[in-house]
Amino acid sequence: MAKEVYADAIALLKADHREVEELFEKFEKASASAKKQTIAQKICVELKVHTTIEEEIFYPAFRGKIEDDTLDEAYVEHDGAKVLINDIMAGSPDDDFYDAKVKVLSEEIKHHVKEEEARGEGMFAQCRKTDVDLVALGEQMAARKQELLAQAKAEGLPPATPRAVNVLAA
């Protein structure tokens, strides 16, 4: 697997955003159940990797340097997505609400991306105004992303674990 090179941490995260947006579009256009499931599984893996590198590396690097509310909301938004990701990963297109879950996940991710990428006061704009070395952070995130993708391919990733939201067992 070739290691991708990004200008910095924010460029890496934006590239992930574009990748997932494309996958959601492909899901909406797909009609065959097997194709939908393959695309939905790929969306979920990409989002699990993305949320992991954000939560392990990116967000902690900016705690205390940007608005804490911005980071706290991002964790809660991730948790909402994780609940859907786990449901989608465990299900199939034949299940009730499967397409609706993927659609709502897409909407949640669009909202989250808009907040991160908003010009001026979005999370990424706030991050660019700090003294954090975004290039070094991006290299660390890219390395962790490659580890997670290799793990996903070899043995799969564990279910996504919410951090900020309490999820009751059904």
N, C-alpha and C. Protein backbone atom coordinates (compact mmCIF):
# COMPACT_ATOMS: atom_id res chain seq x y z
N MET A 1 0.85 -1.17 0.00
CA MET A 1 0.00 0.00 0.00
C MET A 1 0.90 1.24 0.00
N ALA A 2 0.76 2.06 -1.02
CA ALA A 2 1.58 3.26 -1.13
C ALA A 2 1.14 4.29 -0.08
N LYS A 3 2.13 4.90 0.53
CA LYS A 3 1.83 5.91 1.54
C LYS A 3 1.50 7.21 0.82
N GLU A 4 0.32 7.76 1.13
CA GLU A 4 -0.07 9.02 0.51
C GLU A 4 0.61 10.17 1.25
N VAL A 5 0.93 11.21 0.51
CA VAL A 5 1.59 12.38 1.09
C VAL A 5 0.61 13.56 1.02
N TYR A 6 0.46 14.22 2.16
CA TYR A 6 -0.44 15.37 2.25
C TYR A 6 0.37 16.59 2.67
N ALA A 7 -0.10 17.76 2.28
CA ALA A 7 0.58 19.00 2.65
C ALA A 7 0.63 19.16 4.17
N ASP A 8 -0.47 18.79 4.84
CA ASP A 8 -0.52 18.88 6.30
C ASP A 8 -1.73 18.11 6.81
N ALA A 9 -1.95 18.16 8.12
CA ALA A 9 -3.02 17.40 8.76
C ALA A 9 -4.39 17.77 8.20
N ILE A 10 -4.61 19.04 7.98
CA ILE A 10 -5.92 19.49 7.48
C ILE A 10 -6.13 19.01 6.05
N ALA A 11 -5.10 19.02 5.24
CA ALA A 11 -5.22 18.50 3.86
C ALA A 11 -5.59 17.02 3.88
N LEU A 12 -5.01 16.26 4.80
CA LEU A 12 -5.33 14.84 4.93
C LEU A 12 -6.81 14.68 5.29
N LEU A 13 -7.29 15.43 6.27
CA LEU A 13 -8.68 15.31 6.70
C LEU A 13 -9.64 15.74 5.59
N LYS A 14 -9.30 16.79 4.87
CA LYS A 14 -10.16 17.23 3.76
C LYS A 14 -10.19 16.18 2.65
N ALA A 15 -9.07 15.53 2.38
CA ALA A 15 -9.04 14.46 1.37
C ALA A 15 -9.95 13.32 1.80
N ASP A 16 -9.92 12.99 3.09
CA ASP A 16 -10.84 11.96 3.61
C ASP A 16 -12.29 12.39 3.41
N HIS A 17 -12.59 13.64 3.68
CA HIS A 17 -13.96 14.14 3.52
C HIS A 17 -14.43 13.96 2.08
N ARG A 18 -13.58 14.32 1.12
CA ARG A 18 -13.97 14.20 -0.30
C ARG A 18 -14.18 12.72 -0.67
N GLU A 19 -13.32 11.84 -0.16
CA GLU A 19 -13.44 10.40 -0.45
C GLU A 19 -14.78 9.87 0.03
N VAL A 20 -15.16 10.21 1.25
CA VAL A 20 -16.41 9.71 1.82
C VAL A 20 -17.62 10.32 1.09
N GLU A 21 -17.52 11.59 0.72
CA GLU A 21 -18.61 12.21 -0.04
C GLU A 21 -18.85 11.45 -1.35
N GLU A 22 -17.77 11.07 -2.03
CA GLU A 22 -17.88 10.30 -3.27
C GLU A 22 -18.54 8.95 -3.02
N LEU A 23 -18.15 8.31 -1.93
CA LEU A 23 -18.73 7.00 -1.61
C LEU A 23 -20.23 7.11 -1.31
N PHE A 24 -20.63 8.15 -0.61
CA PHE A 24 -22.07 8.34 -0.35
C PHE A 24 -22.83 8.53 -1.66
N GLU A 25 -22.24 9.28 -2.60
CA GLU A 25 -22.87 9.47 -3.92
C GLU A 25 -23.01 8.13 -4.65
N LYS A 26 -21.96 7.32 -4.60
CA LYS A 26 -22.01 6.00 -5.25
C LYS A 26 -23.09 5.14 -4.61
N PHE A 27 -23.22 5.21 -3.29
CA PHE A 27 -24.24 4.42 -2.59
C PHE A 27 -25.62 4.82 -3.09
N GLU A 28 -25.88 6.11 -3.20
CA GLU A 28 -27.19 6.60 -3.63
C GLU A 28 -27.53 6.13 -5.04
N LYS A 29 -26.52 6.00 -5.89
CA LYS A 29 -26.74 5.59 -7.28
C LYS A 29 -26.83 4.08 -7.44
N ALA A 30 -26.32 3.34 -6.48
CA ALA A 30 -26.30 1.87 -6.58
C ALA A 30 -27.71 1.31 -6.41
N SER A 31 -28.00 0.22 -7.14
CA SER A 31 -29.31 -0.41 -7.00
C SER A 31 -29.20 -1.84 -6.47
N ALA A 32 -28.15 -2.53 -6.83
CA ALA A 32 -27.99 -3.91 -6.38
C ALA A 32 -27.62 -3.96 -4.90
N SER A 33 -28.25 -4.87 -4.16
CA SER A 33 -28.00 -4.99 -2.72
C SER A 33 -26.53 -5.26 -2.40
N ALA A 34 -25.92 -6.16 -3.16
CA ALA A 34 -24.52 -6.50 -2.89
C ALA A 34 -23.61 -5.28 -3.10
N LYS A 35 -23.88 -4.51 -4.13
CA LYS A 35 -23.09 -3.31 -4.42
C LYS A 35 -23.28 -2.29 -3.30
N LYS A 36 -24.54 -2.10 -2.87
CA LYS A 36 -24.84 -1.16 -1.78
C LYS A 36 -24.09 -1.56 -0.51
N GLN A 37 -24.12 -2.85 -0.20
CA GLN A 37 -23.47 -3.30 1.03
C GLN A 37 -21.96 -3.08 0.96
N THR A 38 -21.35 -3.37 -0.18
CA THR A 38 -19.91 -3.17 -0.35
C THR A 38 -19.55 -1.70 -0.15
N ILE A 39 -20.33 -0.81 -0.76
CA ILE A 39 -20.06 0.62 -0.64
C ILE A 39 -20.28 1.09 0.80
N ALA A 40 -21.37 0.65 1.41
CA ALA A 40 -21.68 1.06 2.79
C ALA A 40 -20.58 0.58 3.75
N GLN A 41 -20.09 -0.63 3.55
CA GLN A 41 -19.01 -1.14 4.40
C GLN A 41 -17.75 -0.29 4.23
N LYS A 42 -17.46 0.09 2.99
CA LYS A 42 -16.28 0.94 2.73
C LYS A 42 -16.45 2.31 3.40
N ILE A 43 -17.64 2.89 3.30
CA ILE A 43 -17.92 4.16 3.97
C ILE A 43 -17.63 4.02 5.46
N CYS A 44 -18.13 2.95 6.05
CA CYS A 44 -17.98 2.75 7.49
C CYS A 44 -16.52 2.58 7.90
N VAL A 45 -15.77 1.83 7.12
CA VAL A 45 -14.34 1.65 7.43
C VAL A 45 -13.62 2.99 7.32
N GLU A 46 -13.88 3.72 6.24
CA GLU A 46 -13.23 5.04 6.06
C GLU A 46 -13.56 5.96 7.23
N LEU A 47 -14.81 5.96 7.66
CA LEU A 47 -15.21 6.84 8.76
C LEU A 47 -14.62 6.38 10.10
N LYS A 48 -14.52 5.07 10.30
CA LYS A 48 -13.89 4.58 11.54
C LYS A 48 -12.43 5.01 11.61
N VAL A 49 -11.73 4.89 10.50
CA VAL A 49 -10.32 5.29 10.45
C VAL A 49 -10.22 6.79 10.67
N HIS A 50 -11.05 7.55 9.98
CA HIS A 50 -11.03 9.02 10.07
C HIS A 50 -11.32 9.49 11.49
N THR A 51 -12.37 8.97 12.10
CA THR A 51 -12.71 9.41 13.46
C THR A 51 -11.61 9.01 14.44
N THR A 52 -10.98 7.86 14.22
CA THR A 52 -9.91 7.41 15.11
C THR A 52 -8.71 8.36 15.05
N ILE A 53 -8.28 8.72 13.84
CA ILE A 53 -7.11 9.61 13.77
C ILE A 53 -7.44 11.01 14.27
N GLU A 54 -8.68 11.43 14.07
CA GLU A 54 -9.06 12.74 14.62
C GLU A 54 -9.05 12.70 16.15
N GLU A 55 -9.66 11.65 16.71
CA GLU A 55 -9.81 11.58 18.17
C GLU A 55 -8.51 11.23 18.89
N GLU A 56 -7.65 10.43 18.27
CA GLU A 56 -6.39 10.05 18.91
C GLU A 56 -5.31 11.13 18.75
N ILE A 57 -5.31 11.81 17.61
CA ILE A 57 -4.18 12.69 17.29
C ILE A 57 -4.60 14.14 17.06
N PHE A 58 -5.54 14.38 16.14
CA PHE A 58 -5.84 15.75 15.74
C PHE A 58 -6.51 16.55 16.86
N TYR A 59 -7.63 16.08 17.37
CA TYR A 59 -8.35 16.86 18.39
C TYR A 59 -7.51 17.11 19.64
N PRO A 60 -6.82 16.08 20.18
CA PRO A 60 -6.00 16.36 21.37
C PRO A 60 -4.91 17.42 21.14
N ALA A 61 -4.39 17.50 19.93
CA ALA A 61 -3.35 18.49 19.63
C ALA A 61 -3.86 19.92 19.76
N PHE A 62 -5.18 20.09 19.67
CA PHE A 62 -5.75 21.44 19.70
C PHE A 62 -6.54 21.75 20.96
N ARG A 63 -6.61 20.79 21.88
CA ARG A 63 -7.32 21.03 23.15
C ARG A 63 -6.62 22.17 23.88
N GLY A 64 -7.38 23.19 24.25
CA GLY A 64 -6.82 24.35 24.94
C GLY A 64 -6.26 25.40 23.99
N LYS A 65 -6.23 25.10 22.68
CA LYS A 65 -5.69 26.05 21.71
C LYS A 65 -6.79 26.65 20.83
N ILE A 66 -7.92 25.92 20.73
CA ILE A 66 -9.10 26.44 20.03
C ILE A 66 -10.27 26.30 21.00
N GLU A 67 -11.45 26.77 20.59
CA GLU A 67 -12.62 26.72 21.47
C GLU A 67 -12.93 25.28 21.88
N ASP A 68 -12.99 25.03 23.19
CA ASP A 68 -13.29 23.69 23.68
C ASP A 68 -14.66 23.21 23.20
N ASP A 69 -15.63 24.13 23.08
CA ASP A 69 -16.96 23.76 22.61
C ASP A 69 -16.88 23.14 21.21
N THR A 70 -16.02 23.67 20.37
CA THR A 70 -15.86 23.16 19.01
C THR A 70 -15.41 21.70 19.05
N LEU A 71 -14.43 21.41 19.89
CA LEU A 71 -13.92 20.04 20.01
C LEU A 71 -14.97 19.13 20.65
N ASP A 72 -15.62 19.61 21.71
CA ASP A 72 -16.62 18.79 22.39
C ASP A 72 -17.76 18.41 21.45
N GLU A 73 -18.22 19.36 20.65
CA GLU A 73 -19.29 19.08 19.69
C GLU A 73 -18.83 18.06 18.65
N ALA A 74 -17.58 18.15 18.24
CA ALA A 74 -17.06 17.20 17.25
C ALA A 74 -17.08 15.78 17.80
N TYR A 75 -16.67 15.61 19.07
CA TYR A 75 -16.71 14.27 19.69
C TYR A 75 -18.14 13.74 19.73
N VAL A 76 -19.09 14.59 20.10
CA VAL A 76 -20.49 14.15 20.20
C VAL A 76 -21.03 13.81 18.80
N GLU A 77 -20.67 14.62 17.82
CA GLU A 77 -21.09 14.31 16.44
C GLU A 77 -20.50 12.98 15.98
N HIS A 78 -19.25 12.73 16.30
CA HIS A 78 -18.63 11.44 15.97
C HIS A 78 -19.42 10.30 16.60
N ASP A 79 -19.81 10.48 17.86
CA ASP A 79 -20.52 9.41 18.56
C ASP A 79 -21.85 9.08 17.89
N GLY A 80 -22.57 10.11 17.43
CA GLY A 80 -23.81 9.86 16.71
C GLY A 80 -23.55 9.04 15.45
N ALA A 81 -22.48 9.37 14.76
CA ALA A 81 -22.11 8.63 13.55
C ALA A 81 -21.70 7.20 13.90
N LYS A 82 -20.99 7.02 15.00
CA LYS A 82 -20.50 5.68 15.39
C LYS A 82 -21.66 4.72 15.64
N VAL A 83 -22.73 5.21 16.24
CA VAL A 83 -23.91 4.36 16.49
C VAL A 83 -24.45 3.85 15.15
N LEU A 84 -24.59 4.74 14.18
CA LEU A 84 -25.07 4.34 12.86
C LEU A 84 -24.07 3.43 12.15
N ILE A 85 -22.79 3.75 12.24
CA ILE A 85 -21.75 2.93 11.61
C ILE A 85 -21.84 1.49 12.10
N ASN A 86 -21.95 1.31 13.41
CA ASN A 86 -22.03 -0.05 13.96
C ASN A 86 -23.28 -0.77 13.48
N ASP A 87 -24.40 -0.06 13.40
CA ASP A 87 -25.65 -0.67 12.90
C ASP A 87 -25.51 -1.06 11.44
N ILE A 88 -24.94 -0.18 10.64
CA ILE A 88 -24.78 -0.45 9.21
C ILE A 88 -23.82 -1.61 9.00
N MET A 89 -22.71 -1.63 9.73
CA MET A 89 -21.73 -2.72 9.60
C MET A 89 -22.34 -4.07 9.96
N ALA A 90 -23.26 -4.08 10.93
CA ALA A 90 -23.87 -5.33 11.39
C ALA A 90 -25.06 -5.75 10.53
N GLY A 91 -25.52 -4.86 9.67
CA GLY A 91 -26.73 -5.13 8.90
C GLY A 91 -26.47 -5.45 7.45
N SER A 92 -27.57 -5.46 6.69
CA SER A 92 -27.50 -5.67 5.25
C SER A 92 -28.59 -4.84 4.58
N PRO A 93 -28.45 -4.62 3.27
CA PRO A 93 -29.45 -3.81 2.56
C PRO A 93 -30.87 -4.39 2.63
N ASP A 94 -30.99 -5.65 3.02
CA ASP A 94 -32.32 -6.25 3.15
C ASP A 94 -33.00 -5.88 4.46
N ASP A 95 -32.24 -5.34 5.40
CA ASP A 95 -32.79 -4.96 6.70
C ASP A 95 -33.66 -3.71 6.59
N ASP A 96 -34.68 -3.65 7.46
CA ASP A 96 -35.47 -2.43 7.56
C ASP A 96 -34.55 -1.28 7.93
N PHE A 97 -34.79 -0.14 7.39
CA PHE A 97 -34.09 1.10 7.71
C PHE A 97 -32.63 1.17 7.25
N TYR A 98 -32.13 0.16 6.54
CA TYR A 98 -30.71 0.17 6.14
C TYR A 98 -30.38 1.41 5.31
N ASP A 99 -31.13 1.63 4.22
CA ASP A 99 -30.86 2.79 3.38
C ASP A 99 -31.06 4.09 4.15
N ALA A 100 -32.05 4.12 5.03
CA ALA A 100 -32.30 5.32 5.84
C ALA A 100 -31.13 5.60 6.77
N LYS A 101 -30.55 4.57 7.34
CA LYS A 101 -29.38 4.74 8.22
C LYS A 101 -28.21 5.32 7.45
N VAL A 102 -27.97 4.81 6.24
CA VAL A 102 -26.87 5.33 5.42
C VAL A 102 -27.15 6.78 5.04
N LYS A 103 -28.40 7.09 4.71
CA LYS A 103 -28.78 8.46 4.34
C LYS A 103 -28.57 9.41 5.52
N VAL A 104 -29.02 9.02 6.71
CA VAL A 104 -28.86 9.88 7.89
C VAL A 104 -27.38 10.02 8.25
N LEU A 105 -26.61 8.94 8.12
CA LEU A 105 -25.17 9.02 8.35
C LEU A 105 -24.56 10.05 7.39
N SER A 106 -24.96 10.00 6.12
CA SER A 106 -24.46 10.95 5.12
C SER A 106 -24.78 12.38 5.54
N GLU A 107 -26.00 12.61 6.01
CA GLU A 107 -26.41 13.96 6.43
C GLU A 107 -25.62 14.41 7.65
N GLU A 108 -25.41 13.50 8.61
CA GLU A 108 -24.63 13.84 9.80
C GLU A 108 -23.19 14.20 9.42
N ILE A 109 -22.62 13.44 8.50
CA ILE A 109 -21.24 13.69 8.08
C ILE A 109 -21.15 15.01 7.33
N LYS A 110 -22.12 15.30 6.46
CA LYS A 110 -22.12 16.59 5.74
C LYS A 110 -22.13 17.75 6.73
N HIS A 111 -22.95 17.65 7.76
CA HIS A 111 -23.03 18.70 8.79
C HIS A 111 -21.69 18.85 9.50
N HIS A 112 -21.11 17.72 9.89
CA HIS A 112 -19.83 17.72 10.61
C HIS A 112 -18.72 18.33 9.75
N VAL A 113 -18.65 17.94 8.49
CA VAL A 113 -17.64 18.46 7.57
C VAL A 113 -17.82 19.97 7.39
N LYS A 114 -19.06 20.40 7.26
CA LYS A 114 -19.34 21.84 7.09
C LYS A 114 -18.80 22.62 8.29
N GLU A 115 -19.00 22.09 9.50
CA GLU A 115 -18.51 22.77 10.70
C GLU A 115 -16.98 22.77 10.77
N GLU A 116 -16.37 21.68 10.35
CA GLU A 116 -14.91 21.63 10.38
C GLU A 116 -14.30 22.55 9.33
N GLU A 117 -14.89 22.58 8.14
CA GLU A 117 -14.30 23.29 7.02
C GLU A 117 -14.79 24.73 6.84
N ALA A 118 -15.73 25.19 7.66
CA ALA A 118 -16.29 26.54 7.50
C ALA A 118 -15.18 27.59 7.51
N ARG A 119 -15.24 28.49 6.56
CA ARG A 119 -14.24 29.57 6.46
C ARG A 119 -14.37 30.49 7.68
N GLY A 120 -13.27 31.00 8.13
CA GLY A 120 -13.28 31.96 9.22
C GLY A 120 -13.25 31.33 10.59
N GLU A 121 -14.37 30.79 11.05
CA GLU A 121 -14.45 30.28 12.41
C GLU A 121 -14.64 28.76 12.50
N GLY A 122 -14.60 28.06 11.39
CA GLY A 122 -14.69 26.61 11.45
C GLY A 122 -13.50 26.03 12.21
N MET A 123 -13.60 24.76 12.57
CA MET A 123 -12.53 24.13 13.34
C MET A 123 -11.18 24.26 12.63
N PHE A 124 -11.13 23.94 11.34
CA PHE A 124 -9.85 23.97 10.63
C PHE A 124 -9.28 25.39 10.59
N ALA A 125 -10.14 26.39 10.41
CA ALA A 125 -9.67 27.77 10.40
C ALA A 125 -9.08 28.13 11.76
N GLN A 126 -9.75 27.70 12.82
CA GLN A 126 -9.23 27.95 14.17
C GLN A 126 -7.87 27.26 14.35
N CYS A 127 -7.77 26.03 13.87
CA CYS A 127 -6.53 25.25 14.02
C CYS A 127 -5.37 25.90 13.29
N ARG A 128 -5.62 26.47 12.13
CA ARG A 128 -4.56 27.11 11.34
C ARG A 128 -3.98 28.33 12.08
N LYS A 129 -4.74 28.91 13.00
CA LYS A 129 -4.29 30.10 13.73
C LYS A 129 -3.45 29.76 14.96
N THR A 130 -3.23 28.47 15.21
CA THR A 130 -2.46 28.06 16.39
C THR A 130 -0.99 27.84 16.02
N ASP A 131 -0.20 27.50 17.04
CA ASP A 131 1.22 27.23 16.80
C ASP A 131 1.51 25.74 16.56
N VAL A 132 0.48 24.93 16.40
CA VAL A 132 0.67 23.49 16.17
C VAL A 132 1.29 23.28 14.78
N ASP A 133 2.29 22.40 14.73
CA ASP A 133 2.96 22.06 13.47
C ASP A 133 2.06 21.10 12.69
N LEU A 134 1.30 21.65 11.75
CA LEU A 134 0.33 20.86 11.01
C LEU A 134 0.97 19.84 10.08
N VAL A 135 2.19 20.12 9.62
CA VAL A 135 2.90 19.18 8.75
C VAL A 135 3.30 17.94 9.55
N ALA A 136 3.93 18.15 10.71
CA ALA A 136 4.33 17.02 11.56
C ALA A 136 3.10 16.24 12.03
N LEU A 137 2.04 16.96 12.39
CA LEU A 137 0.80 16.31 12.82
C LEU A 137 0.23 15.47 11.68
N GLY A 138 0.28 16.01 10.47
CA GLY A 138 -0.22 15.28 9.30
C GLY A 138 0.56 14.00 9.05
N GLU A 139 1.88 14.06 9.25
CA GLU A 139 2.70 12.86 9.06
C GLU A 139 2.34 11.79 10.08
N GLN A 140 2.12 12.22 11.32
CA GLN A 140 1.73 11.29 12.38
C GLN A 140 0.36 10.67 12.06
N MET A 141 -0.56 11.51 11.60
CA MET A 141 -1.91 11.02 11.27
C MET A 141 -1.88 10.08 10.06
N ALA A 142 -1.08 10.40 9.05
CA ALA A 142 -0.98 9.55 7.86
C ALA A 142 -0.42 8.18 8.23
N ALA A 143 0.56 8.15 9.12
CA ALA A 143 1.14 6.87 9.55
C ALA A 143 0.09 6.04 10.30
N ARG A 144 -0.66 6.67 11.19
CA ARG A 144 -1.71 5.96 11.94
C ARG A 144 -2.81 5.50 11.01
N LYS A 145 -3.15 6.32 10.02
CA LYS A 145 -4.17 5.95 9.05
C LYS A 145 -3.75 4.68 8.30
N GLN A 146 -2.49 4.61 7.88
CA GLN A 146 -1.99 3.43 7.17
C GLN A 146 -2.06 2.19 8.06
N GLU A 147 -1.72 2.33 9.34
CA GLU A 147 -1.83 1.21 10.29
C GLU A 147 -3.27 0.72 10.38
N LEU A 148 -4.19 1.66 10.52
CA LEU A 148 -5.61 1.30 10.67
C LEU A 148 -6.17 0.66 9.40
N LEU A 149 -5.79 1.18 8.24
CA LEU A 149 -6.26 0.59 6.98
C LEU A 149 -5.70 -0.82 6.80
N ALA A 150 -4.45 -1.02 7.19
CA ALA A 150 -3.86 -2.36 7.12
C ALA A 150 -4.60 -3.31 8.07
N GLN A 151 -4.91 -2.83 9.27
CA GLN A 151 -5.67 -3.65 10.23
C GLN A 151 -7.05 -3.96 9.68
N ALA A 152 -7.71 -2.98 9.06
CA ALA A 152 -9.04 -3.19 8.50
C ALA A 152 -9.00 -4.29 7.43
N LYS A 153 -7.96 -4.26 6.62
CA LYS A 153 -7.82 -5.24 5.55
C LYS A 153 -7.49 -6.64 6.10
N ALA A 154 -6.62 -6.69 7.10
CA ALA A 154 -6.15 -7.97 7.64
C ALA A 154 -7.18 -8.66 8.52
N GLU A 155 -7.69 -7.94 9.51
CA GLU A 155 -8.60 -8.60 10.46
C GLU A 155 -9.86 -7.82 10.75
N GLY A 156 -9.99 -6.66 10.15
CA GLY A 156 -11.15 -5.83 10.41
C GLY A 156 -10.92 -4.95 11.62
N LEU A 157 -11.70 -3.90 11.70
CA LEU A 157 -11.61 -2.98 12.83
C LEU A 157 -12.69 -3.34 13.85
N PRO A 158 -12.44 -3.10 15.13
CA PRO A 158 -13.48 -3.36 16.13
C PRO A 158 -14.64 -2.39 15.95
N PRO A 159 -15.77 -2.67 16.58
CA PRO A 159 -16.89 -1.72 16.50
C PRO A 159 -16.44 -0.34 16.99
N ALA A 160 -17.04 0.70 16.40
CA ALA A 160 -16.73 2.07 16.81
C ALA A 160 -17.24 2.29 18.23
N THR A 161 -16.42 2.89 19.07
CA THR A 161 -16.77 3.09 20.47
C THR A 161 -17.05 4.56 20.76
N PRO A 162 -18.31 4.88 21.11
CA PRO A 162 -18.61 6.26 21.48
C PRO A 162 -17.84 6.67 22.72
N ARG A 163 -17.42 7.93 22.80
CA ARG A 163 -16.66 8.46 23.92
C ARG A 163 -17.48 9.41 24.77
N ALA A 164 -18.31 10.22 24.14
CA ALA A 164 -19.00 11.29 24.84
C ALA A 164 -20.48 11.00 25.11
N VAL A 165 -21.04 10.06 24.36
CA VAL A 165 -22.47 9.74 24.47
C VAL A 165 -22.60 8.36 25.10
N ASN A 166 -23.49 8.25 26.07
CA ASN A 166 -23.75 6.94 26.68
C ASN A 166 -24.74 6.19 25.82
N VAL A 167 -24.33 5.02 25.36
CA VAL A 167 -25.18 4.20 24.51
C VAL A 167 -25.65 3.00 25.33
N LEU A 168 -26.96 2.89 25.48
CA LEU A 168 -27.51 1.77 26.24
C LEU A 168 -27.58 0.54 25.35
N ALA A 169 -27.27 -0.60 25.90
CA ALA A 169 -27.36 -1.86 25.15
C ALA A 169 -28.84 -2.16 24.93
N ALA A 170 -29.15 -2.65 23.75
CA ALA A 170 -30.55 -2.94 23.41
C ALA A 170 -31.03 -4.19 24.10
